[in-house]
């Protein structure tokens, strides 16, 4: 399937300059993005409803979204999921790990085991940094509870400014990384004309029972939970701006009735790289995505 979307004016200029041979393509930086899901609170699968943890039944899901500050050098003003670049220190040292092995993730993601380990660690770290949600616990079968206390917040800020390595954070607190709470969903590579490029692996995860998202991202001017169909409709009517990967992934998960359904579906997905291409006509441009 081919999906085409109009390019913002500033990206048209980037694409035109690149096509003219003015510069070489930037090497993409490895990155992780997490599609954090919860059951629709208004449905029977939501908080206080009839279903168990993870929302086995329900009438739909909501995704956690952030709108990046307009002045950000990459995707400014765009609505996105929590995520960011891999820090090689993420997987330094011994990280207590529960769930599929790094080798299992490497096979799914089509990369080396060392990189797969770093991608999973980055996914958990970025979710904590940008949403206050930590996919880790004191044992392989538990997750931490409230992480809003002052000492937790100090650690979160140290992770953000990179004065604390994620592996050291887990080790110091005696936490086990819950890799079993993440499932690979997609891989998107920033178009070659962009001055900042990422090779982003998308993971889906359910909001752990007992944890709540917090507006802690210094990179966002708005955070919200939205039904995927409402978010894509807001883009279609011009009320929100969104890069193609976010829009497509939201469209793909819109039909699930619970986070658990999305996690089950993720197991059958074939992860292959998707890289949009640009077509420029006059002073207008379109981004084409072949899915």
C-alpha atoms as a PDB file:
ATOM      1  CA  UNK A   1       0.000   0.000   0.000  1.00  0.00           C
ATOM      2  CA  UNK A   2       1.246   3.489  -0.822  1.00  0.00           C
ATOM      3  CA  UNK A   3       0.371   6.406   1.457  1.00  0.00           C
ATOM      4  CA  UNK A   4       1.096   9.999   0.432  1.00  0.00           C
ATOM      5  CA  UNK A   5       1.057  13.074   2.653  1.00  0.00           C
ATOM      6  CA  UNK A   6       1.782  16.755   2.027  1.00  0.00           C
ATOM      7  CA  UNK A   7       5.208  17.954   3.156  1.00  0.00           C
ATOM      8  CA  UNK A   8       5.449  21.026   5.420  1.00  0.00           C
ATOM      9  CA  UNK A   9       7.072  24.020   3.672  1.00  0.00           C
ATOM     10  CA  UNK A  10      10.314  23.798   5.658  1.00  0.00           C
ATOM     11  CA  UNK A  11      10.800  20.156   4.645  1.00  0.00           C
ATOM     12  CA  UNK A  12      10.133  20.983   0.991  1.00  0.00           C
ATOM     13  CA  UNK A  13      13.222  23.197   1.050  1.00  0.00           C
ATOM     14  CA  UNK A  14      15.312  20.436   2.633  1.00  0.00           C
ATOM     15  CA  UNK A  15      14.126  17.937   0.016  1.00  0.00           C
ATOM     16  CA  UNK A  16      14.772  20.341  -2.876  1.00  0.00           C
ATOM     17  CA  UNK A  17      18.316  21.116  -1.665  1.00  0.00           C
ATOM     18  CA  UNK A  18      19.101  17.431  -1.246  1.00  0.00           C
ATOM     19  CA  UNK A  19      17.748  16.550  -4.701  1.00  0.00           C
ATOM     20  CA  UNK A  20      19.921  19.285  -6.197  1.00  0.00           C
ATOM     21  CA  UNK A  21      23.000  17.518  -4.838  1.00  0.00           C
ATOM     22  CA  UNK A  22      23.863  20.173  -2.296  1.00  0.00           C
ATOM     23  CA  UNK A  23      24.728  17.720   0.469  1.00  0.00           C
ATOM     24  CA  UNK A  24      25.135  14.047   1.295  1.00  0.00           C
ATOM     25  CA  UNK A  25      22.631  12.059   3.324  1.00  0.00           C
ATOM     26  CA  UNK A  26      23.247  12.033   7.078  1.00  0.00           C
ATOM     27  CA  UNK A  27      23.767   8.592   8.653  1.00  0.00           C
ATOM     28  CA  UNK A  28      20.652   7.745  10.700  1.00  0.00           C
ATOM     29  CA  UNK A  29      21.051   7.438  14.450  1.00  0.00           C
ATOM     30  CA  UNK A  30      19.604   4.328  16.095  1.00  0.00           C
ATOM     31  CA  UNK A  31      16.549   5.195  18.185  1.00  0.00           C
ATOM     32  CA  UNK A  32      13.679   3.618  20.095  1.00  0.00           C
ATOM     33  CA  UNK A  33      10.059   4.743  20.242  1.00  0.00           C
ATOM     34  CA  UNK A  34       7.405   3.354  22.576  1.00  0.00           C
ATOM     35  CA  UNK A  35       3.692   3.250  21.818  1.00  0.00           C
ATOM     36  CA  UNK A  36       2.389   3.271  25.380  1.00  0.00           C
ATOM     37  CA  UNK A  37      -1.198   2.001  25.519  1.00  0.00           C
ATOM     38  CA  UNK A  38      -3.955   1.824  28.072  1.00  0.00           C
ATOM     39  CA  UNK A  39      -7.555   0.654  27.886  1.00  0.00           C
ATOM     40  CA  UNK A  40     -10.108   3.372  27.231  1.00  0.00           C
ATOM     41  CA  UNK A  41     -11.062   4.505  30.764  1.00  0.00           C
ATOM     42  CA  UNK A  42     -14.679   4.880  29.660  1.00  0.00           C
ATOM     43  CA  UNK A  43     -15.000   1.268  28.588  1.00  0.00           C
ATOM     44  CA  UNK A  44     -15.450  -1.970  30.560  1.00  0.00           C
ATOM     45  CA  UNK A  45     -11.756  -2.699  30.041  1.00  0.00           C
ATOM     46  CA  UNK A  46     -10.670   0.584  31.591  1.00  0.00           C
ATOM     47  CA  UNK A  47      -9.672   1.337  35.194  1.00  0.00           C
ATOM     48  CA  UNK A  48     -12.226  -0.091  37.559  1.00  0.00           C
ATOM     49  CA  UNK A  49     -13.849  -2.098  34.768  1.00  0.00           C
ATOM     50  CA  UNK A  50     -14.495  -5.802  34.460  1.00  0.00           C
ATOM     51  CA  UNK A  51     -11.216  -6.814  32.870  1.00  0.00           C
ATOM     52  CA  UNK A  52      -7.967  -7.718  34.592  1.00  0.00           C
ATOM     53  CA  UNK A  53      -4.535  -6.085  34.287  1.00  0.00           C
ATOM     54  CA  UNK A  54      -3.742  -5.002  30.744  1.00  0.00           C
ATOM     55  CA  UNK A  55      -7.392  -4.701  29.781  1.00  0.00           C
ATOM     56  CA  UNK A  56      -8.228  -8.143  28.350  1.00  0.00           C
ATOM     57  CA  UNK A  57     -11.647  -6.866  27.356  1.00  0.00           C
ATOM     58  CA  UNK A  58     -12.761  -3.333  26.584  1.00  0.00           C
ATOM     59  CA  UNK A  59     -13.972  -1.022  23.888  1.00  0.00           C
ATOM     60  CA  UNK A  60     -10.671   0.287  22.668  1.00  0.00           C
ATOM     61  CA  UNK A  61      -7.272   1.677  23.536  1.00  0.00           C
ATOM     62  CA  UNK A  62      -5.710   5.060  24.100  1.00  0.00           C
ATOM     63  CA  UNK A  63      -2.125   5.988  23.223  1.00  0.00           C
ATOM     64  CA  UNK A  64       0.106   8.376  25.118  1.00  0.00           C
ATOM     65  CA  UNK A  65       1.174  11.275  22.889  1.00  0.00           C
ATOM     66  CA  UNK A  66       3.462  14.285  23.275  1.00  0.00           C
ATOM     67  CA  UNK A  67       3.548  17.431  21.145  1.00  0.00           C
ATOM     68  CA  UNK A  68       7.143  18.491  20.698  1.00  0.00           C
ATOM     69  CA  UNK A  69       7.998  22.163  21.220  1.00  0.00           C
ATOM     70  CA  UNK A  70       7.809  24.113  17.968  1.00  0.00           C
ATOM     71  CA  UNK A  71      11.446  25.156  18.285  1.00  0.00           C
ATOM     72  CA  UNK A  72      12.810  21.603  18.486  1.00  0.00           C
ATOM     73  CA  UNK A  73      15.388  20.889  15.746  1.00  0.00           C
ATOM     74  CA  UNK A  74      13.647  17.627  14.807  1.00  0.00           C
ATOM     75  CA  UNK A  75       9.863  17.261  14.378  1.00  0.00           C
ATOM     76  CA  UNK A  76       9.132  20.583  16.087  1.00  0.00           C
ATOM     77  CA  UNK A  77       5.407  21.068  16.663  1.00  0.00           C
ATOM     78  CA  UNK A  78       4.694  17.443  15.790  1.00  0.00           C
ATOM     79  CA  UNK A  79       2.764  14.988  17.931  1.00  0.00           C
ATOM     80  CA  UNK A  80       4.820  11.865  18.677  1.00  0.00           C
ATOM     81  CA  UNK A  81       5.256   8.920  21.007  1.00  0.00           C
ATOM     82  CA  UNK A  82       7.903   8.906  23.750  1.00  0.00           C
ATOM     83  CA  UNK A  83      11.288   8.007  22.326  1.00  0.00           C
ATOM     84  CA  UNK A  84      14.775   9.084  21.439  1.00  0.00           C
ATOM     85  CA  UNK A  85      18.258   8.075  20.408  1.00  0.00           C
ATOM     86  CA  UNK A  86      20.211   5.139  21.776  1.00  0.00           C
ATOM     87  CA  UNK A  87      22.891   5.934  24.355  1.00  0.00           C
ATOM     88  CA  UNK A  88      25.507   3.168  24.171  1.00  0.00           C
ATOM     89  CA  UNK A  89      25.823   3.349  27.963  1.00  0.00           C
ATOM     90  CA  UNK A  90      22.226   2.105  28.182  1.00  0.00           C
ATOM     91  CA  UNK A  91      23.400  -1.479  27.888  1.00  0.00           C
ATOM     92  CA  UNK A  92      26.826  -1.154  29.520  1.00  0.00           C
ATOM     93  CA  UNK A  93      27.546  -3.518  32.367  1.00  0.00           C
ATOM     94  CA  UNK A  94      25.190  -6.199  33.621  1.00  0.00           C
ATOM     95  CA  UNK A  95      21.506  -5.307  33.355  1.00  0.00           C
ATOM     96  CA  UNK A  96      19.103  -7.654  35.150  1.00  0.00           C
ATOM     97  CA  UNK A  97      16.698  -8.731  32.413  1.00  0.00           C
ATOM     98  CA  UNK A  98      13.332 -10.518  32.348  1.00  0.00           C
ATOM     99  CA  UNK A  99      11.620 -11.750  29.216  1.00  0.00           C
ATOM    100  CA  UNK A 100      12.796 -12.484  25.665  1.00  0.00           C
ATOM    101  CA  UNK A 101      16.563 -12.376  25.328  1.00  0.00           C
ATOM    102  CA  UNK A 102      18.510  -9.727  23.460  1.00  0.00           C
ATOM    103  CA  UNK A 103      19.089 -12.411  20.839  1.00  0.00           C
ATOM    104  CA  UNK A 104      15.329 -12.879  20.438  1.00  0.00           C
ATOM    105  CA  UNK A 105      14.876  -9.141  19.939  1.00  0.00           C
ATOM    106  CA  UNK A 106      17.789  -9.085  17.489  1.00  0.00           C
ATOM    107  CA  UNK A 107      16.091 -11.760  15.379  1.00  0.00           C
ATOM    108  CA  UNK A 108      12.847  -9.783  15.317  1.00  0.00           C
ATOM    109  CA  UNK A 109      14.507  -6.433  14.639  1.00  0.00           C
ATOM    110  CA  UNK A 110      17.066  -7.679  12.122  1.00  0.00           C
ATOM    111  CA  UNK A 111      20.104  -6.288  13.916  1.00  0.00           C
ATOM    112  CA  UNK A 112      23.080  -7.377  16.010  1.00  0.00           C
ATOM    113  CA  UNK A 113      22.391  -8.628  19.517  1.00  0.00           C
ATOM    114  CA  UNK A 114      24.369  -5.803  21.131  1.00  0.00           C
ATOM    115  CA  UNK A 115      22.296  -3.195  19.300  1.00  0.00           C
ATOM    116  CA  UNK A 116      19.039  -5.001  20.122  1.00  0.00           C
ATOM    117  CA  UNK A 117      19.946  -4.903  23.811  1.00  0.00           C
ATOM    118  CA  UNK A 118      20.690  -1.176  23.589  1.00  0.00           C
ATOM    119  CA  UNK A 119      17.416  -0.532  21.719  1.00  0.00           C
ATOM    120  CA  UNK A 120      15.343  -2.269  24.399  1.00  0.00           C
ATOM    121  CA  UNK A 121      17.182  -0.420  27.171  1.00  0.00           C
ATOM    122  CA  UNK A 122      16.679   2.871  25.334  1.00  0.00           C
ATOM    123  CA  UNK A 123      12.959   2.145  24.944  1.00  0.00           C
ATOM    124  CA  UNK A 124      12.554   1.629  28.688  1.00  0.00           C
ATOM    125  CA  UNK A 125      14.738   4.626  29.546  1.00  0.00           C
ATOM    126  CA  UNK A 126      12.949   7.009  27.170  1.00  0.00           C
ATOM    127  CA  UNK A 127       9.534   5.949  28.477  1.00  0.00           C
ATOM    128  CA  UNK A 128      10.681   6.775  31.976  1.00  0.00           C
ATOM    129  CA  UNK A 129      12.318  10.062  30.956  1.00  0.00           C
ATOM    130  CA  UNK A 130       9.370  11.346  28.915  1.00  0.00           C
ATOM    131  CA  UNK A 131       6.338   9.808  30.612  1.00  0.00           C
ATOM    132  CA  UNK A 132       7.459   8.913  34.144  1.00  0.00           C
ATOM    133  CA  UNK A 133       6.558   5.269  33.471  1.00  0.00           C
ATOM    134  CA  UNK A 134       9.178   2.640  34.315  1.00  0.00           C
ATOM    135  CA  UNK A 135       8.998  -0.832  32.772  1.00  0.00           C
ATOM    136  CA  UNK A 136      11.123  -2.419  35.477  1.00  0.00           C
ATOM    137  CA  UNK A 137      10.617  -3.927  38.899  1.00  0.00           C
ATOM    138  CA  UNK A 138      12.318  -5.457  41.907  1.00  0.00           C
ATOM    139  CA  UNK A 139      11.641  -8.951  40.535  1.00  0.00           C
ATOM    140  CA  UNK A 140      11.082 -10.563  37.135  1.00  0.00           C
ATOM    141  CA  UNK A 141       7.347 -10.682  37.855  1.00  0.00           C
ATOM    142  CA  UNK A 142       6.738  -7.183  39.250  1.00  0.00           C
ATOM    143  CA  UNK A 143       6.917  -3.518  38.313  1.00  0.00           C
ATOM    144  CA  UNK A 144       7.684  -0.519  40.490  1.00  0.00           C
ATOM    145  CA  UNK A 145       4.792   1.527  41.793  1.00  0.00           C
ATOM    146  CA  UNK A 146       4.774   5.292  42.223  1.00  0.00           C
ATOM    147  CA  UNK A 147       7.931   6.915  40.816  1.00  0.00           C
ATOM    148  CA  UNK A 148       7.052  10.519  41.589  1.00  0.00           C
ATOM    149  CA  UNK A 149       8.953  10.850  44.896  1.00  0.00           C
ATOM    150  CA  UNK A 150      11.854  13.298  45.039  1.00  0.00           C
ATOM    151  CA  UNK A 151      14.572  10.635  44.892  1.00  0.00           C
ATOM    152  CA  UNK A 152      13.022   9.012  41.833  1.00  0.00           C
ATOM    153  CA  UNK A 153      12.659  12.381  40.163  1.00  0.00           C
ATOM    154  CA  UNK A 154      16.313  13.182  40.841  1.00  0.00           C
ATOM    155  CA  UNK A 155      17.315   9.945  39.128  1.00  0.00           C
ATOM    156  CA  UNK A 156      15.016  10.645  36.179  1.00  0.00           C
ATOM    157  CA  UNK A 157      16.568  14.075  35.683  1.00  0.00           C
ATOM    158  CA  UNK A 158      20.059  12.579  35.890  1.00  0.00           C
ATOM    159  CA  UNK A 159      19.105  10.145  33.132  1.00  0.00           C
ATOM    160  CA  UNK A 160      17.836  13.021  31.000  1.00  0.00           C
ATOM    161  CA  UNK A 161      21.062  15.035  31.316  1.00  0.00           C
ATOM    162  CA  UNK A 162      23.122  11.841  30.860  1.00  0.00           C
ATOM    163  CA  UNK A 163      24.958  12.253  34.165  1.00  0.00           C
ATOM    164  CA  UNK A 164      23.581   8.815  35.100  1.00  0.00           C
ATOM    165  CA  UNK A 165      23.766   5.769  32.836  1.00  0.00           C
ATOM    166  CA  UNK A 166      20.591   3.713  32.623  1.00  0.00           C
ATOM    167  CA  UNK A 167      22.448   0.503  33.483  1.00  0.00           C
ATOM    168  CA  UNK A 168      23.824   2.148  36.633  1.00  0.00           C
ATOM    169  CA  UNK A 169      20.367   3.408  37.550  1.00  0.00           C
ATOM    170  CA  UNK A 170      18.882  -0.093  37.365  1.00  0.00           C
ATOM    171  CA  UNK A 171      21.785  -1.655  39.223  1.00  0.00           C
ATOM    172  CA  UNK A 172      21.781   0.902  42.026  1.00  0.00           C
ATOM    173  CA  UNK A 173      18.072   0.429  42.648  1.00  0.00           C
ATOM    174  CA  UNK A 174      18.202  -3.350  42.265  1.00  0.00           C
ATOM    175  CA  UNK A 175      15.702  -3.352  39.398  1.00  0.00           C
ATOM    176  CA  UNK A 176      15.013  -5.939  36.725  1.00  0.00           C
ATOM    177  CA  UNK A 177      14.323  -4.588  33.229  1.00  0.00           C
ATOM    178  CA  UNK A 178      10.980  -6.027  32.072  1.00  0.00           C
ATOM    179  CA  UNK A 179      11.741  -6.740  28.422  1.00  0.00           C
ATOM    180  CA  UNK A 180       8.650  -8.956  28.395  1.00  0.00           C
ATOM    181  CA  UNK A 181       6.469  -5.823  28.641  1.00  0.00           C
ATOM    182  CA  UNK A 182       7.730  -4.582  25.255  1.00  0.00           C
ATOM    183  CA  UNK A 183       6.940  -5.970  21.808  1.00  0.00           C
ATOM    184  CA  UNK A 184       8.542  -4.842  18.519  1.00  0.00           C
ATOM    185  CA  UNK A 185       6.028  -3.249  16.168  1.00  0.00           C
ATOM    186  CA  UNK A 186       7.744  -1.399  13.303  1.00  0.00           C
ATOM    187  CA  UNK A 187      10.927   0.176  11.977  1.00  0.00           C
ATOM    188  CA  UNK A 188      10.991   3.572  10.278  1.00  0.00           C
ATOM    189  CA  UNK A 189      13.987   5.410   8.838  1.00  0.00           C
ATOM    190  CA  UNK A 190      13.927   9.197   8.419  1.00  0.00           C
ATOM    191  CA  UNK A 191      13.951  10.263   4.717  1.00  0.00           C
ATOM    192  CA  UNK A 192      17.414  10.838   3.278  1.00  0.00           C
ATOM    193  CA  UNK A 193      16.856  14.573   2.703  1.00  0.00           C
ATOM    194  CA  UNK A 194      16.347  15.353   6.417  1.00  0.00           C
ATOM    195  CA  UNK A 195      19.288  17.045   8.194  1.00  0.00           C
ATOM    196  CA  UNK A 196      18.586  14.927  11.304  1.00  0.00           C
ATOM    197  CA  UNK A 197      17.854  11.268  10.694  1.00  0.00           C
ATOM    198  CA  UNK A 198      16.877   8.315  12.877  1.00  0.00           C
ATOM    199  CA  UNK A 199      16.583   4.585  12.372  1.00  0.00           C
ATOM    200  CA  UNK A 200      13.723   4.158  14.825  1.00  0.00           C
ATOM    201  CA  UNK A 201      12.375   0.881  16.110  1.00  0.00           C
ATOM    202  CA  UNK A 202       8.838   1.123  17.449  1.00  0.00           C
ATOM    203  CA  UNK A 203       7.698  -0.978  20.413  1.00  0.00           C
ATOM    204  CA  UNK A 204       4.236  -1.364  21.933  1.00  0.00           C
ATOM    205  CA  UNK A 205       3.738  -1.592  25.698  1.00  0.00           C
ATOM    206  CA  UNK A 206       0.817  -1.495  28.092  1.00  0.00           C
ATOM    207  CA  UNK A 207       0.762   1.006  30.952  1.00  0.00           C
ATOM    208  CA  UNK A 208       1.664  -1.111  34.014  1.00  0.00           C
ATOM    209  CA  UNK A 209      -0.969  -1.447  36.706  1.00  0.00           C
ATOM    210  CA  UNK A 210      -0.363   1.049  39.501  1.00  0.00           C
ATOM    211  CA  UNK A 211       1.680   3.495  37.417  1.00  0.00           C
ATOM    212  CA  UNK A 212       0.539   6.796  35.962  1.00  0.00           C
ATOM    213  CA  UNK A 213       1.998   8.959  33.238  1.00  0.00           C
ATOM    214  CA  UNK A 214       3.317  12.355  34.284  1.00  0.00           C
ATOM    215  CA  UNK A 215       3.973  15.513  32.274  1.00  0.00           C
ATOM    216  CA  UNK A 216       7.726  15.428  32.778  1.00  0.00           C
ATOM    217  CA  UNK A 217       9.099  15.771  29.249  1.00  0.00           C
ATOM    218  CA  UNK A 218      11.012  18.996  28.813  1.00  0.00           C
ATOM    219  CA  UNK A 219      10.661  18.530  25.058  1.00  0.00           C
ATOM    220  CA  UNK A 220       6.850  18.763  24.929  1.00  0.00           C
ATOM    221  CA  UNK A 221       4.301  21.547  25.347  1.00  0.00           C
ATOM    222  CA  UNK A 222       1.380  19.112  25.477  1.00  0.00           C
ATOM    223  CA  UNK A 223       0.942  15.524  26.663  1.00  0.00           C
ATOM    224  CA  UNK A 224      -2.286  13.577  26.368  1.00  0.00           C
ATOM    225  CA  UNK A 225      -3.946  10.191  26.122  1.00  0.00           C
ATOM    226  CA  UNK A 226      -5.976   9.879  22.920  1.00  0.00           C
ATOM    227  CA  UNK A 227      -7.881   7.213  21.072  1.00  0.00           C
ATOM    228  CA  UNK A 228      -5.903   6.497  17.883  1.00  0.00           C
ATOM    229  CA  UNK A 229      -8.878   7.255  15.649  1.00  0.00           C
ATOM    230  CA  UNK A 230      -9.323  10.653  17.319  1.00  0.00           C
ATOM    231  CA  UNK A 231      -5.638  11.483  16.931  1.00  0.00           C
ATOM    232  CA  UNK A 232      -5.521  10.640  13.217  1.00  0.00           C
ATOM    233  CA  UNK A 233      -8.782  12.515  12.648  1.00  0.00           C
ATOM    234  CA  UNK A 234      -7.222  15.590  14.281  1.00  0.00           C
ATOM    235  CA  UNK A 235      -4.348  15.330  11.802  1.00  0.00           C
ATOM    236  CA  UNK A 236      -6.738  14.927   8.858  1.00  0.00           C
ATOM    237  CA  UNK A 237      -8.576  18.117   9.844  1.00  0.00           C
ATOM    238  CA  UNK A 238      -5.390  20.090  10.512  1.00  0.00           C
ATOM    239  CA  UNK A 239      -5.785  20.369  14.287  1.00  0.00           C
ATOM    240  CA  UNK A 240      -2.638  18.332  14.952  1.00  0.00           C
ATOM    241  CA  UNK A 241       0.582  17.760  13.031  1.00  0.00           C
ATOM    242  CA  UNK A 242       2.214  14.363  12.909  1.00  0.00           C
ATOM    243  CA  UNK A 243       5.030  12.642  11.040  1.00  0.00           C
ATOM    244  CA  UNK A 244       4.001   9.645   8.883  1.00  0.00           C
ATOM    245  CA  UNK A 245       5.357   6.935  11.230  1.00  0.00           C
ATOM    246  CA  UNK A 246       3.199   8.161  14.123  1.00  0.00           C
ATOM    247  CA  UNK A 247       0.124   8.471  11.910  1.00  0.00           C
ATOM    248  CA  UNK A 248       0.556   5.029  10.353  1.00  0.00           C
ATOM    249  CA  UNK A 249       1.224   3.263  13.663  1.00  0.00           C
ATOM    250  CA  UNK A 250      -1.836   4.904  15.241  1.00  0.00           C
ATOM    251  CA  UNK A 251      -3.909   3.760  12.262  1.00  0.00           C
ATOM    252  CA  UNK A 252      -2.593   0.223  12.702  1.00  0.00           C
ATOM    253  CA  UNK A 253      -3.526  -0.014  16.380  1.00  0.00           C
ATOM    254  CA  UNK A 254      -6.864   1.797  16.116  1.00  0.00           C
ATOM    255  CA  UNK A 255      -8.905  -1.404  15.850  1.00  0.00           C
ATOM    256  CA  UNK A 256      -7.615  -3.152  18.962  1.00  0.00           C
ATOM    257  CA  UNK A 257      -9.978  -3.497  21.875  1.00  0.00           C
ATOM    258  CA  UNK A 258      -7.263  -3.679  24.533  1.00  0.00           C
ATOM    259  CA  UNK A 259      -3.503  -3.275  24.987  1.00  0.00           C
ATOM    260  CA  UNK A 260      -3.300  -7.043  25.398  1.00  0.00           C
ATOM    261  CA  UNK A 261      -4.661  -7.521  21.880  1.00  0.00           C
ATOM    262  CA  UNK A 262      -2.024  -5.194  20.461  1.00  0.00           C
ATOM    263  CA  UNK A 263       0.758  -7.075  22.246  1.00  0.00           C
ATOM    264  CA  UNK A 264      -0.516 -10.401  20.901  1.00  0.00           C
ATOM    265  CA  UNK A 265      -0.711  -8.979  17.371  1.00  0.00           C
ATOM    266  CA  UNK A 266       2.833  -7.642  17.641  1.00  0.00           C
ATOM    267  CA  UNK A 267       4.194 -11.186  17.883  1.00  0.00           C
ATOM    268  CA  UNK A 268       3.090 -11.930  14.301  1.00  0.00           C
ATOM    269  CA  UNK A 269       4.405  -8.762  12.681  1.00  0.00           C
ATOM    270  CA  UNK A 270       7.302  -8.852  10.250  1.00  0.00           C
ATOM    271  CA  UNK A 271       9.578  -5.927  11.075  1.00  0.00           C
ATOM    272  CA  UNK A 272      11.040  -4.411   7.929  1.00  0.00           C
ATOM    273  CA  UNK A 273      12.496  -0.935   7.384  1.00  0.00           C
ATOM    274  CA  UNK A 274      10.196   1.713   5.947  1.00  0.00           C
ATOM    275  CA  UNK A 275      11.774   4.873   4.541  1.00  0.00           C
ATOM    276  CA  UNK A 276       9.532   7.572   3.040  1.00  0.00           C
ATOM    277  CA  UNK A 277      10.596   9.317  -0.173  1.00  0.00           C
ATOM    278  CA  UNK A 278       9.874  12.859  -1.348  1.00  0.00           C
ATOM    279  CA  UNK A 279       8.353  14.165  -4.579  1.00  0.00           C
ATOM    280  CA  UNK A 280       8.702  17.899  -5.253  1.00  0.00           C
ATOM    281  CA  UNK A 281       6.603  19.793  -7.792  1.00  0.00           C
ATOM    282  CA  UNK A 282       7.196  23.537  -7.860  1.00  0.00           C
ATOM    283  CA  UNK A 283       7.026  24.858  -4.302  1.00  0.00           C
ATOM    284  CA  UNK A 284       4.978  21.916  -3.026  1.00  0.00           C
ATOM    285  CA  UNK A 285       6.085  18.478  -1.933  1.00  0.00           C
ATOM    286  CA  UNK A 286       4.671  15.150  -0.949  1.00  0.00           C
ATOM    287  CA  UNK A 287       6.054  12.346   1.163  1.00  0.00           C
ATOM    288  CA  UNK A 288       5.316   8.895  -0.195  1.00  0.00           C
ATOM    289  CA  UNK A 289       5.351   5.806   2.032  1.00  0.00           C
ATOM    290  CA  UNK A 290       5.141   2.297   0.595  1.00  0.00           C
ATOM    291  CA  UNK A 291       3.845  -0.109   3.253  1.00  0.00           C
END
